Amino acid sequence: MPRRSSLLTLIAVAALWGASFLFIRIGVRDLGPVALIEARVALAGLALLAIVTVLRRRPSWRDRWRYLMLGLLSAAAPFTLIAAAELHLTASLAAILNATTPMFSLLLSAWWLREPLTVRKLAGVMVGVLGVAVLVGLGPIDPGPVLWASVAASLVAALLYAAGGIYAATRFSGVAPISVATGQQLAAAVLLLPLAAALPPAELPGPSVTAAVLALALACTALGFVLFYRLVAQLGSTGALTVTYLVPVFGSAWGALFLGERLSIGAGLGLLLVLGGVALVTRPSAPTPASAPDPAPALAPDARSGPGASRVDHGVSCGVAGVSSPETP
C-alpha cells in the first residue's frame, strides 16, 4: 500500500491532468487553439524555468535542436490538436481518447525499437480500438464528419505523445526529467510563436478564460510536472502508472461537474473498454528465471522512470504534458 502522502500526490496529479481538458474546453472558443496553447506552453515553460534555475538543472543549450523536436512531438502539435478537437468534442470524450496513448506507444516501440509484441498486448490494442468505436458510435455526440475529424485529431495527438515519449527515452539519457520538461515547453512556445502571431484571438479574453489559461499553464502543466516527478520518486515507475487510469476519470468528472456534460452509457462503456485495453498493454510481463531485477533507483539516469530511460514501458502518458515516465509527460 502506498503511503498516504503518495496517494494524495497520485490523486492530485490525476485531478490536475484531468482538469486540463476542462480548461482547454473553456478557453479554446475565445482564444482559438493556437493562441491558447502558445499561452499554455509559454507560461508553463517560464514557471518551470524558474524552478530548474533554483535547482541548477536548466536545460542545456547544446541540446536545443533535440528540444525543438521533442517540443514539436510532445507539446506543440498534440496540445494544439487536442485544443482544436475540443472545439467540437466534450472535455470528457477528449480525456478518454487521450488515454489511448499507451497503445500507440506499444505499436511504435514494436516498429521503432523492435520490442516484441505479445498476444496480451495486441489484445489490449484491439480492446482499445473497440472502446474508441463505442465512444464514437454510442457517445453523447451524433456521429458525422466533424465528430470523426475531431476524434482523428485526438488520436493523432495520442500518437504524437507516444512518439515523443520514445524520442525522449532514446535522446535524453541521463538528463533530469524536470529539465527535459522545461526544455520541451519552452521549445514548444518558440515553435508556436509565429503561428500564434499570425492567428491572434479576435478580442481580449474575459476573466473566466484568463483564469482557465492560468490554471491550465501553471497548475495542470507546471505544477503537474513537479508533482508527477515527486510521485515517481515516491512510488517508482510502476506505481506511478496508476495515474493513467485516473486521468480520464477525473476528466469526465470535471466536465460533468463544471460544464454539465453528460456521460452517456455508451461513453461509460467506451471508457471501460479503453481503460481495459490500457491495463492489458501496461501490465508487466511475468518475470522469467533468466531475468534479473533492475537495481537502479527510480530517478537514476538510466532507470526506467524518466525521459532518459533505456527502454520504453507503455504506461504513463503525461497525457497532458507530453512527457511520461517511464515511457516519455
C-alpha atoms as a PDB file:
ATOM      1  CA  MET A   1       0.000   0.000   0.000  1.00  0.00           C
ATOM      2  CA  PRO A   2       1.378   3.430  -0.890  1.00  0.00           C
ATOM      3  CA  ARG A   3       1.902   5.928   1.862  1.00  0.00           C
ATOM      4  CA  ARG A   4      -0.879   8.449   2.415  1.00  0.00           C
ATOM      5  CA  SER A   5       1.309  11.246   1.007  1.00  0.00           C
ATOM      6  CA  SER A   6       1.938   9.206  -2.153  1.00  0.00           C
ATOM      7  CA  LEU A   7      -1.765   8.526  -2.558  1.00  0.00           C
ATOM      8  CA  LEU A   8      -2.557  12.223  -2.199  1.00  0.00           C
ATOM      9  CA  THR A   9       0.108  13.084  -4.767  1.00  0.00           C
ATOM     10  CA  LEU A  10      -1.296  10.483  -7.163  1.00  0.00           C
ATOM     11  CA  ILE A  11      -4.803  11.896  -6.844  1.00  0.00           C
ATOM     12  CA  ALA A  12      -3.526  15.460  -7.228  1.00  0.00           C
ATOM     13  CA  VAL A  13      -1.651  14.654 -10.453  1.00  0.00           C
ATOM     14  CA  ALA A  14      -4.629  12.827 -11.954  1.00  0.00           C
ATOM     15  CA  ALA A  15      -7.001  15.618 -10.920  1.00  0.00           C
ATOM     16  CA  LEU A  16      -4.757  18.306 -12.423  1.00  0.00           C
ATOM     17  CA  TRP A  17      -4.165  16.483 -15.692  1.00  0.00           C
ATOM     18  CA  GLY A  18      -7.834  15.574 -15.951  1.00  0.00           C
ATOM     19  CA  ALA A  19      -8.734  19.237 -15.396  1.00  0.00           C
ATOM     20  CA  SER A  20      -6.592  20.297 -18.341  1.00  0.00           C
ATOM     21  CA  PHE A  21      -9.305  19.090 -20.713  1.00  0.00           C
ATOM     22  CA  LEU A  22     -11.835  21.215 -18.828  1.00  0.00           C
ATOM     23  CA  PHE A  23      -9.700  24.356 -19.066  1.00  0.00           C
ATOM     24  CA  ILE A  24      -8.970  23.762 -22.753  1.00  0.00           C
ATOM     25  CA  ARG A  25     -12.688  23.471 -23.404  1.00  0.00           C
ATOM     26  CA  ILE A  26     -13.308  26.747 -21.572  1.00  0.00           C
ATOM     27  CA  GLY A  27     -10.554  28.714 -23.285  1.00  0.00           C
ATOM     28  CA  VAL A  28     -10.430  27.423 -26.843  1.00  0.00           C
ATOM     29  CA  ARG A  29     -13.602  29.040 -28.165  1.00  0.00           C
ATOM     30  CA  ASP A  30     -12.454  32.555 -27.271  1.00  0.00           C
ATOM     31  CA  LEU A  31      -8.727  32.247 -27.940  1.00  0.00           C
ATOM     32  CA  GLY A  32      -8.576  29.614 -30.651  1.00  0.00           C
ATOM     33  CA  PRO A  33      -6.377  26.501 -30.447  1.00  0.00           C
ATOM     34  CA  VAL A  34      -3.031  28.092 -31.340  1.00  0.00           C
ATOM     35  CA  ALA A  35      -3.172  31.168 -29.087  1.00  0.00           C
ATOM     36  CA  LEU A  36      -4.452  29.075 -26.179  1.00  0.00           C
ATOM     37  CA  ILE A  37      -1.661  26.528 -26.446  1.00  0.00           C
ATOM     38  CA  GLU A  38       1.002  29.198 -27.001  1.00  0.00           C
ATOM     39  CA  ALA A  39      -0.069  30.811 -23.735  1.00  0.00           C
ATOM     40  CA  ARG A  40      -0.079  27.421 -22.024  1.00  0.00           C
ATOM     41  CA  VAL A  41       3.401  26.302 -23.012  1.00  0.00           C
ATOM     42  CA  ALA A  42       4.997  29.746 -22.648  1.00  0.00           C
ATOM     43  CA  LEU A  43       3.685  30.304 -19.131  1.00  0.00           C
ATOM     44  CA  ALA A  44       4.386  26.716 -18.073  1.00  0.00           C
ATOM     45  CA  GLY A  45       7.872  26.843 -19.559  1.00  0.00           C
ATOM     46  CA  LEU A  46       8.718  30.072 -17.739  1.00  0.00           C
ATOM     47  CA  ALA A  47       7.397  28.708 -14.448  1.00  0.00           C
ATOM     48  CA  LEU A  48       9.434  25.514 -14.841  1.00  0.00           C
ATOM     49  CA  LEU A  49      12.458  27.540 -15.883  1.00  0.00           C
ATOM     50  CA  ALA A  50      12.296  29.414 -12.588  1.00  0.00           C
ATOM     51  CA  ILE A  51      12.188  26.097 -10.723  1.00  0.00           C
ATOM     52  CA  VAL A  52      15.084  24.467 -12.581  1.00  0.00           C
ATOM     53  CA  THR A  53      17.134  27.637 -12.212  1.00  0.00           C
ATOM     54  CA  VAL A  54      16.807  27.375  -8.449  1.00  0.00           C
ATOM     55  CA  LEU A  55      17.638  23.654  -8.663  1.00  0.00           C
ATOM     56  CA  ARG A  56      20.512  24.334 -11.069  1.00  0.00           C
ATOM     57  CA  ARG A  57      19.082  21.945 -13.635  1.00  0.00           C
ATOM     58  CA  ARG A  58      18.444  24.262 -16.554  1.00  0.00           C
ATOM     59  CA  PRO A  59      18.262  22.579 -19.978  1.00  0.00           C
ATOM     60  CA  SER A  60      21.491  22.629 -21.960  1.00  0.00           C
ATOM     61  CA  TRP A  61      21.675  24.985 -24.935  1.00  0.00           C
ATOM     62  CA  ARG A  62      23.669  22.312 -26.758  1.00  0.00           C
ATOM     63  CA  ASP A  63      20.524  20.188 -26.935  1.00  0.00           C
ATOM     64  CA  ARG A  64      18.343  22.925 -28.490  1.00  0.00           C
ATOM     65  CA  TRP A  65      17.629  21.013 -31.719  1.00  0.00           C
ATOM     66  CA  ARG A  66      16.620  17.904 -29.825  1.00  0.00           C
ATOM     67  CA  TYR A  67      14.395  20.002 -27.572  1.00  0.00           C
ATOM     68  CA  LEU A  68      12.739  21.560 -30.605  1.00  0.00           C
ATOM     69  CA  MET A  69      11.919  18.096 -31.947  1.00  0.00           C
ATOM     70  CA  LEU A  70      10.642  16.969 -28.563  1.00  0.00           C
ATOM     71  CA  GLY A  71       8.625  20.166 -28.177  1.00  0.00           C
ATOM     72  CA  LEU A  72       7.005  19.546 -31.548  1.00  0.00           C
ATOM     73  CA  LEU A  73       6.164  15.888 -30.888  1.00  0.00           C
ATOM     74  CA  SER A  74       5.169  16.109 -27.237  1.00  0.00           C
ATOM     75  CA  ALA A  75       3.647  19.553 -26.783  1.00  0.00           C
ATOM     76  CA  ALA A  76       3.184  21.970 -29.688  1.00  0.00           C
ATOM     77  CA  ALA A  77       1.489  19.586 -32.127  1.00  0.00           C
ATOM     78  CA  PRO A  78      -0.527  17.325 -29.775  1.00  0.00           C
ATOM     79  CA  PHE A  79      -1.645  20.156 -27.482  1.00  0.00           C
ATOM     80  CA  THR A  80      -2.895  22.147 -30.486  1.00  0.00           C
ATOM     81  CA  LEU A  81      -4.664  19.137 -31.994  1.00  0.00           C
ATOM     82  CA  ILE A  82      -6.448  18.420 -28.718  1.00  0.00           C
ATOM     83  CA  ALA A  83      -7.499  22.058 -28.416  1.00  0.00           C
ATOM     84  CA  ALA A  84      -8.817  22.045 -31.993  1.00  0.00           C
ATOM     85  CA  ALA A  85     -10.693  18.808 -31.293  1.00  0.00           C
ATOM     86  CA  GLU A  86     -12.292  20.300 -28.188  1.00  0.00           C
ATOM     87  CA  LEU A  87     -13.985  22.915 -30.320  1.00  0.00           C
ATOM     88  CA  HIS A  88     -16.386  20.068 -31.087  1.00  0.00           C
ATOM     89  CA  LEU A  89     -15.726  17.332 -28.502  1.00  0.00           C
ATOM     90  CA  THR A  90     -16.687  17.359 -24.859  1.00  0.00           C
ATOM     91  CA  ALA A  91     -13.882  17.559 -22.327  1.00  0.00           C
ATOM     92  CA  SER A  92     -14.737  14.079 -21.059  1.00  0.00           C
ATOM     93  CA  LEU A  93     -14.590  12.499 -24.512  1.00  0.00           C
ATOM     94  CA  ALA A  94     -11.254  14.194 -25.238  1.00  0.00           C
ATOM     95  CA  ALA A  95      -9.845  12.900 -21.944  1.00  0.00           C
ATOM     96  CA  ILE A  96     -10.930   9.340 -22.692  1.00  0.00           C
ATOM     97  CA  LEU A  97      -9.474   9.400 -26.215  1.00  0.00           C
ATOM     98  CA  ASN A  98      -6.180  10.687 -24.837  1.00  0.00           C
ATOM     99  CA  ALA A  99      -5.926   7.562 -22.682  1.00  0.00           C
ATOM    100  CA  THR A 100      -5.106   5.573 -25.828  1.00  0.00           C
ATOM    101  CA  THR A 101      -1.512   6.892 -25.778  1.00  0.00           C
ATOM    102  CA  PRO A 102      -0.012   3.704 -24.203  1.00  0.00           C
ATOM    103  CA  MET A 103      -1.445   1.652 -27.056  1.00  0.00           C
ATOM    104  CA  PHE A 104       0.254   3.828 -29.648  1.00  0.00           C
ATOM    105  CA  SER A 105       3.429   3.650 -27.589  1.00  0.00           C
ATOM    106  CA  LEU A 106       3.287  -0.136 -27.741  1.00  0.00           C
ATOM    107  CA  LEU A 107       2.888  -0.182 -31.531  1.00  0.00           C
ATOM    108  CA  LEU A 108       5.565   2.454 -32.134  1.00  0.00           C
ATOM    109  CA  SER A 109       8.000   0.674 -29.820  1.00  0.00           C
ATOM    110  CA  ALA A 110       7.500  -2.555 -31.753  1.00  0.00           C
ATOM    111  CA  TRP A 111       8.271  -0.752 -35.006  1.00  0.00           C
ATOM    112  CA  TRP A 112      10.894   1.759 -33.834  1.00  0.00           C
ATOM    113  CA  LEU A 113      12.710  -0.154 -31.082  1.00  0.00           C
ATOM    114  CA  ARG A 114      11.881  -3.677 -32.289  1.00  0.00           C
ATOM    115  CA  GLU A 115      10.282  -4.546 -28.970  1.00  0.00           C
ATOM    116  CA  PRO A 116       8.387  -7.853 -29.133  1.00  0.00           C
ATOM    117  CA  LEU A 117       4.598  -7.852 -29.190  1.00  0.00           C
ATOM    118  CA  THR A 118       2.710 -10.357 -27.067  1.00  0.00           C
ATOM    119  CA  VAL A 119      -0.766 -11.727 -27.652  1.00  0.00           C
ATOM    120  CA  ARG A 120      -1.960  -9.999 -24.471  1.00  0.00           C
ATOM    121  CA  LYS A 121      -0.695  -6.607 -25.574  1.00  0.00           C
ATOM    122  CA  LEU A 122      -2.146  -6.965 -29.062  1.00  0.00           C
ATOM    123  CA  ALA A 123      -5.444  -7.935 -27.460  1.00  0.00           C
ATOM    124  CA  GLY A 124      -5.204  -4.758 -25.388  1.00  0.00           C
ATOM    125  CA  VAL A 125      -4.845  -2.675 -28.532  1.00  0.00           C
ATOM    126  CA  MET A 126      -7.888  -4.364 -30.090  1.00  0.00           C
ATOM    127  CA  VAL A 127      -9.953  -3.772 -26.955  1.00  0.00           C
ATOM    128  CA  GLY A 128      -8.881  -0.116 -27.012  1.00  0.00           C
ATOM    129  CA  VAL A 129      -9.884   0.228 -30.668  1.00  0.00           C
ATOM    130  CA  LEU A 130     -13.266  -1.264 -29.815  1.00  0.00           C
ATOM    131  CA  GLY A 131     -13.580   1.250 -26.993  1.00  0.00           C
ATOM    132  CA  VAL A 132     -12.943   4.160 -29.358  1.00  0.00           C
ATOM    133  CA  ALA A 133     -15.532   2.774 -31.782  1.00  0.00           C
ATOM    134  CA  VAL A 134     -18.085   2.550 -28.971  1.00  0.00           C
ATOM    135  CA  LEU A 135     -17.253   6.094 -27.855  1.00  0.00           C
ATOM    136  CA  VAL A 136     -17.878   7.461 -31.330  1.00  0.00           C
ATOM    137  CA  GLY A 137     -20.872   5.326 -32.189  1.00  0.00           C
ATOM    138  CA  LEU A 138     -22.704   5.405 -28.854  1.00  0.00           C
ATOM    139  CA  GLY A 139     -21.244   8.544 -27.270  1.00  0.00           C
ATOM    140  CA  PRO A 140     -23.039  11.799 -26.440  1.00  0.00           C
ATOM    141  CA  ILE A 141     -22.309  13.452 -29.833  1.00  0.00           C
ATOM    142  CA  ASP A 142     -24.080  12.470 -33.041  1.00  0.00           C
ATOM    143  CA  PRO A 143     -21.652  10.829 -35.487  1.00  0.00           C
ATOM    144  CA  GLY A 144     -20.733  12.908 -38.507  1.00  0.00           C
ATOM    145  CA  PRO A 145     -17.747  14.333 -40.414  1.00  0.00           C
ATOM    146  CA  VAL A 146     -16.969  16.950 -37.744  1.00  0.00           C
ATOM    147  CA  LEU A 147     -17.012  14.353 -34.980  1.00  0.00           C
ATOM    148  CA  TRP A 148     -14.827  11.947 -36.938  1.00  0.00           C
ATOM    149  CA  ALA A 149     -12.328  14.714 -37.744  1.00  0.00           C
ATOM    150  CA  SER A 150     -12.188  15.751 -34.085  1.00  0.00           C
ATOM    151  CA  VAL A 151     -11.715  12.156 -32.932  1.00  0.00           C
ATOM    152  CA  ALA A 152      -8.991  11.719 -35.545  1.00  0.00           C
ATOM    153  CA  ALA A 153      -7.215  14.846 -34.253  1.00  0.00           C
ATOM    154  CA  SER A 154      -7.351  13.497 -30.694  1.00  0.00           C
ATOM    155  CA  LEU A 155      -5.968  10.120 -31.750  1.00  0.00           C
ATOM    156  CA  VAL A 156      -3.172  11.727 -33.784  1.00  0.00           C
ATOM    157  CA  ALA A 157      -2.323  13.741 -30.656  1.00  0.00           C
ATOM    158  CA  ALA A 158      -2.099  10.499 -28.674  1.00  0.00           C
ATOM    159  CA  LEU A 159       0.131   9.028 -31.390  1.00  0.00           C
ATOM    160  CA  LEU A 160       2.417  12.075 -31.201  1.00  0.00           C
ATOM    161  CA  TYR A 161       2.598  11.786 -27.404  1.00  0.00           C
ATOM    162  CA  ALA A 162       3.752   8.206 -27.843  1.00  0.00           C
ATOM    163  CA  ALA A 163       6.340   9.184 -30.459  1.00  0.00           C
ATOM    164  CA  GLY A 164       7.572  12.000 -28.244  1.00  0.00           C
ATOM    165  CA  GLY A 165       7.872   9.630 -25.326  1.00  0.00           C
ATOM    166  CA  ILE A 166      10.043   7.214 -27.282  1.00  0.00           C
ATOM    167  CA  TYR A 167      12.111  10.090 -28.655  1.00  0.00           C
ATOM    168  CA  ALA A 168      12.712  11.421 -25.140  1.00  0.00           C
ATOM    169  CA  ALA A 169      13.619   7.961 -23.851  1.00  0.00           C
ATOM    170  CA  THR A 170      16.220   7.470 -26.569  1.00  0.00           C
ATOM    171  CA  ARG A 171      17.628  11.013 -26.910  1.00  0.00           C
ATOM    172  CA  PHE A 172      17.753  12.389 -23.352  1.00  0.00           C
ATOM    173  CA  SER A 173      19.502   9.648 -21.440  1.00  0.00           C
ATOM    174  CA  GLY A 174      20.993  10.980 -18.215  1.00  0.00           C
ATOM    175  CA  VAL A 175      19.081  14.290 -18.289  1.00  0.00           C
ATOM    176  CA  ALA A 176      16.959  15.187 -15.257  1.00  0.00           C
ATOM    177  CA  PRO A 177      13.245  14.721 -16.122  1.00  0.00           C
ATOM    178  CA  ILE A 178      12.262  18.205 -14.945  1.00  0.00           C
ATOM    179  CA  SER A 179      14.967  19.690 -17.189  1.00  0.00           C
ATOM    180  CA  VAL A 180      13.532  17.802 -20.149  1.00  0.00           C
ATOM    181  CA  ALA A 181      10.033  19.018 -19.285  1.00  0.00           C
ATOM    182  CA  THR A 182      11.261  22.615 -19.114  1.00  0.00           C
ATOM    183  CA  GLY A 183      13.104  22.462 -22.422  1.00  0.00           C
ATOM    184  CA  GLN A 184      10.123  20.787 -24.043  1.00  0.00           C
ATOM    185  CA  GLN A 185       7.663  23.507 -23.012  1.00  0.00           C
ATOM    186  CA  LEU A 186       9.970  26.383 -23.956  1.00  0.00           C
ATOM    187  CA  ALA A 187      10.753  24.795 -27.312  1.00  0.00           C
ATOM    188  CA  ALA A 188       7.046  24.351 -27.992  1.00  0.00           C
ATOM    189  CA  ALA A 189       6.489  28.030 -27.216  1.00  0.00           C
ATOM    190  CA  VAL A 190       9.185  29.002 -29.736  1.00  0.00           C
ATOM    191  CA  LEU A 191       7.680  26.753 -32.411  1.00  0.00           C
ATOM    192  CA  LEU A 192       4.138  28.073 -31.947  1.00  0.00           C
ATOM    193  CA  LEU A 193       5.032  31.761 -31.647  1.00  0.00           C
ATOM    194  CA  PRO A 194       4.955  32.611 -35.405  1.00  0.00           C
ATOM    195  CA  LEU A 195       1.637  30.814 -35.878  1.00  0.00           C
ATOM    196  CA  ALA A 196       0.161  32.439 -32.770  1.00  0.00           C
ATOM    197  CA  ALA A 197       1.220  35.858 -34.042  1.00  0.00           C
ATOM    198  CA  ALA A 198      -0.487  35.144 -37.370  1.00  0.00           C
ATOM    199  CA  LEU A 199      -3.674  33.848 -35.705  1.00  0.00           C
ATOM    200  CA  PRO A 200      -4.344  36.135 -32.729  1.00  0.00           C
ATOM    201  CA  PRO A 201      -7.654  35.944 -30.864  1.00  0.00           C
ATOM    202  CA  ALA A 202     -10.362  38.290 -32.106  1.00  0.00           C
ATOM    203  CA  GLU A 203     -10.638  40.004 -28.723  1.00  0.00           C
ATOM    204  CA  LEU A 204      -9.016  40.021 -25.327  1.00  0.00           C
ATOM    205  CA  PRO A 205     -10.144  37.129 -23.103  1.00  0.00           C
ATOM    206  CA  GLY A 206     -12.525  37.730 -20.232  1.00  0.00           C
ATOM    207  CA  PRO A 207     -11.819  36.898 -16.595  1.00  0.00           C
ATOM    208  CA  SER A 208     -13.049  33.294 -16.789  1.00  0.00           C
ATOM    209  CA  VAL A 209     -10.967  32.486 -19.860  1.00  0.00           C
ATOM    210  CA  THR A 210      -7.907  34.188 -18.363  1.00  0.00           C
ATOM    211  CA  ALA A 211      -8.326  32.153 -15.196  1.00  0.00           C
ATOM    212  CA  ALA A 212      -8.663  28.963 -17.272  1.00  0.00           C
ATOM    213  CA  VAL A 213      -5.436  29.727 -19.161  1.00  0.00           C
ATOM    214  CA  LEU A 214      -3.514  30.422 -15.957  1.00  0.00           C
ATOM    215  CA  ALA A 215      -4.839  27.239 -14.351  1.00  0.00           C
ATOM    216  CA  LEU A 216      -4.011  25.209 -17.472  1.00  0.00           C
ATOM    217  CA  ALA A 217      -0.443  26.516 -17.664  1.00  0.00           C
ATOM    218  CA  LEU A 218       0.594  26.909 -14.054  1.00  0.00           C
ATOM    219  CA  ALA A 219      -1.448  24.252 -12.268  1.00  0.00           C
ATOM    220  CA  CYS A 220      -2.117  21.498 -14.794  1.00  0.00           C
ATOM    221  CA  THR A 221       1.211  21.722 -16.608  1.00  0.00           C
ATOM    222  CA  ALA A 222       3.941  23.245 -14.422  1.00  0.00           C
ATOM    223  CA  LEU A 223       2.686  22.039 -11.030  1.00  0.00           C
ATOM    224  CA  GLY A 224       1.519  18.771 -12.586  1.00  0.00           C
ATOM    225  CA  PHE A 225       5.058  18.025 -13.748  1.00  0.00           C
ATOM    226  CA  VAL A 226       6.592  18.808 -10.378  1.00  0.00           C
ATOM    227  CA  LEU A 227       4.108  16.586  -8.546  1.00  0.00           C
ATOM    228  CA  PHE A 228       4.440  13.791 -11.068  1.00  0.00           C
ATOM    229  CA  TYR A 229       8.203  13.547 -10.683  1.00  0.00           C
ATOM    230  CA  ARG A 230       7.720  13.582  -6.932  1.00  0.00           C
ATOM    231  CA  LEU A 231       5.286  10.700  -7.374  1.00  0.00           C
ATOM    232  CA  VAL A 232       7.826   8.727  -9.418  1.00  0.00           C
ATOM    233  CA  ALA A 233      10.394   9.299  -6.688  1.00  0.00           C
ATOM    234  CA  GLN A 234       7.923   8.026  -4.066  1.00  0.00           C
ATOM    235  CA  LEU A 235       6.393   5.043  -5.875  1.00  0.00           C
ATOM    236  CA  GLY A 236       8.782   4.263  -8.705  1.00  0.00           C
ATOM    237  CA  SER A 237       7.724   3.979 -12.328  1.00  0.00           C
ATOM    238  CA  THR A 238       5.383   1.029 -11.839  1.00  0.00           C
ATOM    239  CA  GLY A 239       3.420   2.674  -9.045  1.00  0.00           C
ATOM    240  CA  ALA A 240       3.175   5.904 -10.998  1.00  0.00           C
ATOM    241  CA  LEU A 241       1.434   4.031 -13.843  1.00  0.00           C
ATOM    242  CA  THR A 242      -1.773   4.215 -11.818  1.00  0.00           C
ATOM    243  CA  VAL A 243      -2.268   7.804 -12.913  1.00  0.00           C
ATOM    244  CA  THR A 244      -3.003   6.513 -16.435  1.00  0.00           C
ATOM    245  CA  TYR A 245      -6.323   5.113 -15.261  1.00  0.00           C
ATOM    246  CA  LEU A 246      -7.360   8.097 -13.165  1.00  0.00           C
ATOM    247  CA  VAL A 247      -6.843  10.961 -15.644  1.00  0.00           C
ATOM    248  CA  PRO A 248      -9.851  10.141 -17.896  1.00  0.00           C
ATOM    249  CA  VAL A 249     -11.977   9.514 -14.821  1.00  0.00           C
ATOM    250  CA  PHE A 250     -11.184  12.966 -13.464  1.00  0.00           C
ATOM    251  CA  GLY A 251     -11.513  14.488 -16.922  1.00  0.00           C
ATOM    252  CA  SER A 252     -15.032  13.089 -17.196  1.00  0.00           C
ATOM    253  CA  ALA A 253     -15.894  14.151 -13.649  1.00  0.00           C
ATOM    254  CA  TRP A 254     -14.747  17.764 -14.140  1.00  0.00           C
ATOM    255  CA  GLY A 255     -16.636  18.004 -17.426  1.00  0.00           C
ATOM    256  CA  ALA A 256     -19.836  16.781 -15.791  1.00  0.00           C
ATOM    257  CA  LEU A 257     -19.406  18.943 -12.691  1.00  0.00           C
ATOM    258  CA  PHE A 258     -18.464  22.276 -14.251  1.00  0.00           C
ATOM    259  CA  LEU A 259     -19.713  22.070 -17.841  1.00  0.00           C
ATOM    260  CA  GLY A 260     -22.822  19.959 -17.346  1.00  0.00           C
ATOM    261  CA  GLU A 261     -21.535  17.262 -19.712  1.00  0.00           C
ATOM    262  CA  ARG A 262     -23.485  14.032 -19.619  1.00  0.00           C
ATOM    263  CA  LEU A 263     -21.550  10.785 -19.546  1.00  0.00           C
ATOM    264  CA  SER A 264     -23.817   8.509 -21.577  1.00  0.00           C
ATOM    265  CA  ILE A 265     -23.978   4.742 -21.249  1.00  0.00           C
ATOM    266  CA  GLY A 266     -22.038   4.443 -24.500  1.00  0.00           C
ATOM    267  CA  ALA A 267     -19.326   6.811 -23.277  1.00  0.00           C
ATOM    268  CA  GLY A 268     -19.104   4.935 -19.990  1.00  0.00           C
ATOM    269  CA  LEU A 269     -18.777   1.609 -21.816  1.00  0.00           C
ATOM    270  CA  GLY A 270     -16.167   3.102 -24.134  1.00  0.00           C
ATOM    271  CA  LEU A 271     -14.215   4.396 -21.136  1.00  0.00           C
ATOM    272  CA  LEU A 272     -14.203   0.941 -19.545  1.00  0.00           C
ATOM    273  CA  LEU A 273     -13.041  -0.680 -22.787  1.00  0.00           C
ATOM    274  CA  VAL A 274     -10.264   1.864 -23.338  1.00  0.00           C
ATOM    275  CA  LEU A 275      -9.022   1.502 -19.754  1.00  0.00           C
ATOM    276  CA  GLY A 276      -9.253  -2.283 -20.075  1.00  0.00           C
ATOM    277  CA  GLY A 277      -7.088  -2.113 -23.175  1.00  0.00           C
ATOM    278  CA  VAL A 278      -4.602   0.140 -21.364  1.00  0.00           C
ATOM    279  CA  ALA A 279      -4.467  -2.361 -18.495  1.00  0.00           C
ATOM    280  CA  LEU A 280      -3.613  -5.207 -20.880  1.00  0.00           C
ATOM    281  CA  VAL A 281      -0.938  -3.123 -22.612  1.00  0.00           C
ATOM    282  CA  THR A 282       0.704  -1.767 -19.463  1.00  0.00           C
ATOM    283  CA  ARG A 283       0.574  -4.830 -17.189  1.00  0.00           C
ATOM    284  CA  PRO A 284       4.150  -6.018 -16.628  1.00  0.00           C
ATOM    285  CA  SER A 285       5.019  -9.409 -18.046  1.00  0.00           C
ATOM    286  CA  ALA A 286       5.647 -12.197 -15.590  1.00  0.00           C
ATOM    287  CA  PRO A 287       9.353 -12.428 -14.716  1.00  0.00           C
ATOM    288  CA  THR A 288      11.314 -15.346 -16.061  1.00  0.00           C
ATOM    289  CA  PRO A 289      14.075 -17.202 -14.217  1.00  0.00           C
ATOM    290  CA  ALA A 290      16.630 -15.717 -16.604  1.00  0.00           C
ATOM    291  CA  SER A 291      15.578 -12.157 -15.877  1.00  0.00           C
ATOM    292  CA  ALA A 292      17.274 -10.146 -13.184  1.00  0.00           C
ATOM    293  CA  PRO A 293      15.694  -7.296 -11.253  1.00  0.00           C
ATOM    294  CA  ASP A 294      16.641  -3.768 -12.196  1.00  0.00           C
ATOM    295  CA  PRO A 295      18.510  -2.361  -9.217  1.00  0.00           C
ATOM    296  CA  ALA A 296      18.539   1.211 -10.491  1.00  0.00           C
ATOM    297  CA  PRO A 297      16.739   3.755  -8.296  1.00  0.00           C
ATOM    298  CA  ALA A 298      13.646   5.412  -9.670  1.00  0.00           C
ATOM    299  CA  LEU A 299      15.321   8.640 -10.700  1.00  0.00           C
ATOM    300  CA  ALA A 300      18.744   7.379 -11.718  1.00  0.00           C
ATOM    301  CA  PRO A 301      19.856   8.470 -15.188  1.00  0.00           C
ATOM    302  CA  ASP A 302      19.407   5.040 -16.743  1.00  0.00           C
ATOM    303  CA  ALA A 303      16.431   3.938 -14.656  1.00  0.00           C
ATOM    304  CA  ARG A 304      13.057   3.290 -16.160  1.00  0.00           C
ATOM    305  CA  SER A 305      11.409   6.233 -14.562  1.00  0.00           C
ATOM    306  CA  GLY A 306      12.182   9.208 -16.717  1.00  0.00           C
ATOM    307  CA  PRO A 307      12.814  10.545 -20.173  1.00  0.00           C
ATOM    308  CA  GLY A 308      16.316   9.113 -20.075  1.00  0.00           C
ATOM    309  CA  ALA A 309      15.070   5.560 -19.741  1.00  0.00           C
ATOM    310  CA  SER A 310      16.933   2.929 -21.686  1.00  0.00           C
ATOM    311  CA  ARG A 311      13.754   1.125 -22.640  1.00  0.00           C
ATOM    312  CA  VAL A 312      10.137   2.075 -23.089  1.00  0.00           C
ATOM    313  CA  ASP A 313       7.298   0.767 -20.979  1.00  0.00           C
ATOM    314  CA  HIS A 314       3.773   1.512 -22.114  1.00  0.00           C
ATOM    315  CA  GLY A 315       2.216   3.127 -19.120  1.00  0.00           C
ATOM    316  CA  VAL A 316       2.058   6.700 -18.027  1.00  0.00           C
ATOM    317  CA  SER A 317       1.423   9.147 -20.725  1.00  0.00           C
ATOM    318  CA  CYS A 318       1.565  12.530 -19.266  1.00  0.00           C
ATOM    319  CA  GLY A 319      -1.319  12.912 -21.485  1.00  0.00           C
ATOM    320  CA  VAL A 320      -1.454  16.378 -20.736  1.00  0.00           C
ATOM    321  CA  ALA A 321       2.125  17.164 -20.570  1.00  0.00           C
ATOM    322  CA  GLY A 322       3.591  15.034 -23.219  1.00  0.00           C
ATOM    323  CA  VAL A 323       6.378  13.606 -21.147  1.00  0.00           C
ATOM    324  CA  SER A 324       5.865  10.394 -19.340  1.00  0.00           C
ATOM    325  CA  SER A 325       7.571   8.133 -17.001  1.00  0.00           C
ATOM    326  CA  PRO A 326       8.645   5.590 -17.847  1.00  0.00           C
ATOM    327  CA  GLU A 327       7.717   5.865 -21.493  1.00  0.00           C
ATOM    328  CA  THR A 328       8.168   9.520 -22.059  1.00  0.00           C
ATOM    329  CA  PRO A 329       4.965  13.971 -19.859  1.00  0.00           C
END
